[in-house]
């Protein structure tokens, strides 16, 4: 299941985070990072998925 989340995180980083933790602080941080730059959003999403 983590592979699917990582693939989602590459194409839509907030979706990958949402699938892992739901709507919470990490989700909103990821939306902000994705809006500021696509690559930081991807890095954060993969980090959130990998740490849990």
Protein backbone atom coordinates (compact mmCIF):
# COMPACT_ATOMS: atom_id res chain seq x y z
CA UNK A 1 0.00 0.00 0.00
CA UNK A 2 2.93 2.37 0.59
CA UNK A 3 3.88 2.07 -3.08
CA UNK A 4 0.48 3.43 -4.11
CA UNK A 5 0.82 6.30 -1.64
CA UNK A 6 4.30 7.15 -2.94
CA UNK A 7 3.05 7.14 -6.54
CA UNK A 8 0.19 9.44 -5.50
CA UNK A 9 2.71 11.65 -3.68
CA UNK A 10 4.76 12.07 -6.85
CA UNK A 11 1.80 13.20 -8.95
CA UNK A 12 -0.31 14.94 -6.26
CA UNK A 13 1.67 15.37 -3.01
CA UNK A 14 -1.30 16.40 -0.83
CA UNK A 15 -3.20 13.28 -1.92
CA UNK A 16 -0.36 11.03 -0.76
CA UNK A 17 -0.28 12.77 2.61
CA UNK A 18 -4.07 12.64 2.91
CA UNK A 19 -4.07 8.89 2.28
CA UNK A 20 -1.45 8.43 5.00
CA UNK A 21 -2.59 10.76 7.80
CA UNK A 22 -5.91 12.30 6.77
CA UNK A 23 -6.67 15.98 7.17
CA UNK A 24 -4.33 17.30 9.81
CA UNK A 25 -1.30 19.49 10.29
CA UNK A 26 0.88 17.47 7.91
CA UNK A 27 -1.77 17.75 5.19
CA UNK A 28 -1.97 21.54 5.44
CA UNK A 29 1.82 21.89 5.60
CA UNK A 30 2.05 19.81 2.45
CA UNK A 31 -0.51 21.95 0.62
CA UNK A 32 1.49 25.05 1.55
CA UNK A 33 4.77 23.49 0.42
CA UNK A 34 3.21 22.30 -2.82
CA UNK A 35 1.91 25.78 -3.55
CA UNK A 36 5.32 27.30 -2.83
CA UNK A 37 7.10 24.74 -4.98
CA UNK A 38 6.18 21.35 -6.36
CA UNK A 39 9.45 19.62 -5.35
CA UNK A 40 9.26 20.58 -1.63
CA UNK A 41 5.72 19.19 -1.59
CA UNK A 42 6.90 15.88 -3.03
CA UNK A 43 9.81 15.63 -0.58
CA UNK A 44 7.55 16.34 2.39
CA UNK A 45 4.92 13.87 1.20
CA UNK A 46 7.45 11.06 0.78
CA UNK A 47 8.93 11.89 4.18
CA UNK A 48 5.49 11.71 5.84
CA UNK A 49 4.73 8.39 4.14
CA UNK A 50 8.14 6.89 4.99
CA UNK A 51 8.16 7.86 8.68
CA UNK A 52 4.88 6.12 9.56
